[in-house]
């Protein structure tokens, strides 16, 4: 696998994530889209780390994965709160919680 194919895969994953982020109304689908975008960034870090023979990208990827896990935990907690208060996980209901 070459660097070009790794970057094409990462850009395709990132594009799918952006598309899902912009078009979805369900909170869980938006969280999955954000996760896809984070995984695309991790693929780029690992690919550059592999092709430059430096472990620094892999170390950054481990930190990014830890941050992503924390982000998912907070996002799922918000999704549960939204579902408990409005019996729906649509983002329209989240706008009502603001004021």
Protein backbone atom coordinates (compact mmCIF):
# COMPACT_ATOMS: atom_id res chain seq x y z
CA UNK A 1 0.00 0.00 0.00
CA UNK A 2 1.43 3.34 -1.01
CA UNK A 3 1.14 6.71 0.67
CA UNK A 4 -1.20 7.89 -2.08
CA UNK A 5 -3.69 5.11 -1.47
CA UNK A 6 -3.61 5.75 2.27
CA UNK A 7 -4.29 9.43 1.70
CA UNK A 8 -7.08 8.66 -0.77
CA UNK A 9 -8.69 6.32 1.75
CA UNK A 10 -8.41 8.93 4.49
CA UNK A 11 -9.84 11.67 2.27
CA UNK A 12 -12.75 9.42 1.27
CA UNK A 13 -13.51 8.63 4.92
CA UNK A 14 -13.25 12.29 5.85
CA UNK A 15 -15.56 13.27 2.99
CA UNK A 16 -18.16 10.71 4.05
CA UNK A 17 -17.89 12.05 7.61
CA UNK A 18 -18.40 15.65 6.50
CA UNK A 19 -21.36 14.64 4.35
CA UNK A 20 -22.92 12.78 7.27
CA UNK A 21 -22.28 15.69 9.60
CA UNK A 22 -24.02 18.14 7.29
CA UNK A 23 -27.00 16.01 6.30
CA UNK A 24 -28.00 13.94 9.35
CA UNK A 25 -30.57 15.00 11.93
CA UNK A 26 -30.09 12.19 14.45
CA UNK A 27 -27.54 12.90 17.17
CA UNK A 28 -26.06 9.40 17.08
CA UNK A 29 -25.53 9.62 13.30
CA UNK A 30 -23.74 12.94 13.77
CA UNK A 31 -21.49 11.36 16.41
CA UNK A 32 -20.68 8.49 14.02
CA UNK A 33 -19.80 11.04 11.33
CA UNK A 34 -17.44 12.85 13.69
CA UNK A 35 -15.88 9.50 14.55
CA UNK A 36 -15.30 8.79 10.85
CA UNK A 37 -13.54 12.13 10.48
CA UNK A 38 -11.33 11.42 13.49
CA UNK A 39 -10.43 7.99 12.11
CA UNK A 40 -9.48 9.57 8.79
CA UNK A 41 -7.08 11.87 10.62
CA UNK A 42 -5.64 8.88 12.47
CA UNK A 43 -5.07 7.04 9.17
CA UNK A 44 -3.15 10.03 7.86
CA UNK A 45 -1.00 10.19 10.99
CA UNK A 46 -0.17 6.49 10.88
CA UNK A 47 0.51 6.59 7.12
CA UNK A 48 2.95 9.46 7.43
CA UNK A 49 4.53 7.75 10.42
CA UNK A 50 4.98 4.54 8.44
CA UNK A 51 6.44 6.17 5.36
CA UNK A 52 8.83 8.45 7.25
CA UNK A 53 9.99 5.67 9.61
CA UNK A 54 9.21 7.80 12.65
CA UNK A 55 7.02 6.53 15.52
CA UNK A 56 5.84 10.06 16.34
CA UNK A 57 2.67 9.79 14.24
CA UNK A 58 1.68 6.60 15.99
CA UNK A 59 2.15 8.26 19.38
CA UNK A 60 -0.07 11.15 18.27
CA UNK A 61 -2.63 8.62 17.05
CA UNK A 62 -2.77 6.96 20.47
CA UNK A 63 -3.43 10.34 22.10
CA UNK A 64 -6.05 11.15 19.46
CA UNK A 65 -7.79 7.83 20.10
CA UNK A 66 -7.88 8.54 23.83
CA UNK A 67 -9.40 11.97 23.20
CA UNK A 68 -11.92 10.45 20.78
CA UNK A 69 -13.02 7.91 23.37
CA UNK A 70 -13.65 10.70 25.85
CA UNK A 71 -15.54 12.66 23.18
CA UNK A 72 -17.77 9.68 22.43
CA UNK A 73 -18.52 9.18 26.12
CA UNK A 74 -19.61 12.81 26.50
CA UNK A 75 -21.57 12.68 23.24
CA UNK A 76 -23.46 9.57 24.27
CA UNK A 77 -24.23 11.12 27.65
CA UNK A 78 -25.67 14.14 25.85
CA UNK A 79 -27.67 11.84 23.55
CA UNK A 80 -29.14 10.03 26.57
CA UNK A 81 -30.01 13.34 28.23
CA UNK A 82 -31.68 14.55 25.05
CA UNK A 83 -33.66 11.34 24.71
CA UNK A 84 -34.77 11.40 28.35
CA UNK A 85 -36.01 14.98 28.18
CA UNK A 86 -37.63 14.97 24.72
CA UNK A 87 -38.12 11.25 23.89
CA UNK A 88 -36.29 11.91 20.63
CA UNK A 89 -32.68 12.03 19.52
CA UNK A 90 -33.23 14.53 16.73
CA UNK A 91 -31.09 17.65 16.76
CA UNK A 92 -34.20 19.83 16.46
CA UNK A 93 -35.07 18.89 20.04
CA UNK A 94 -31.63 20.02 21.22
CA UNK A 95 -32.36 23.57 20.06
CA UNK A 96 -35.31 23.69 22.47
CA UNK A 97 -33.02 22.86 25.41
CA UNK A 98 -31.05 26.08 24.88
CA UNK A 99 -33.51 28.53 26.30
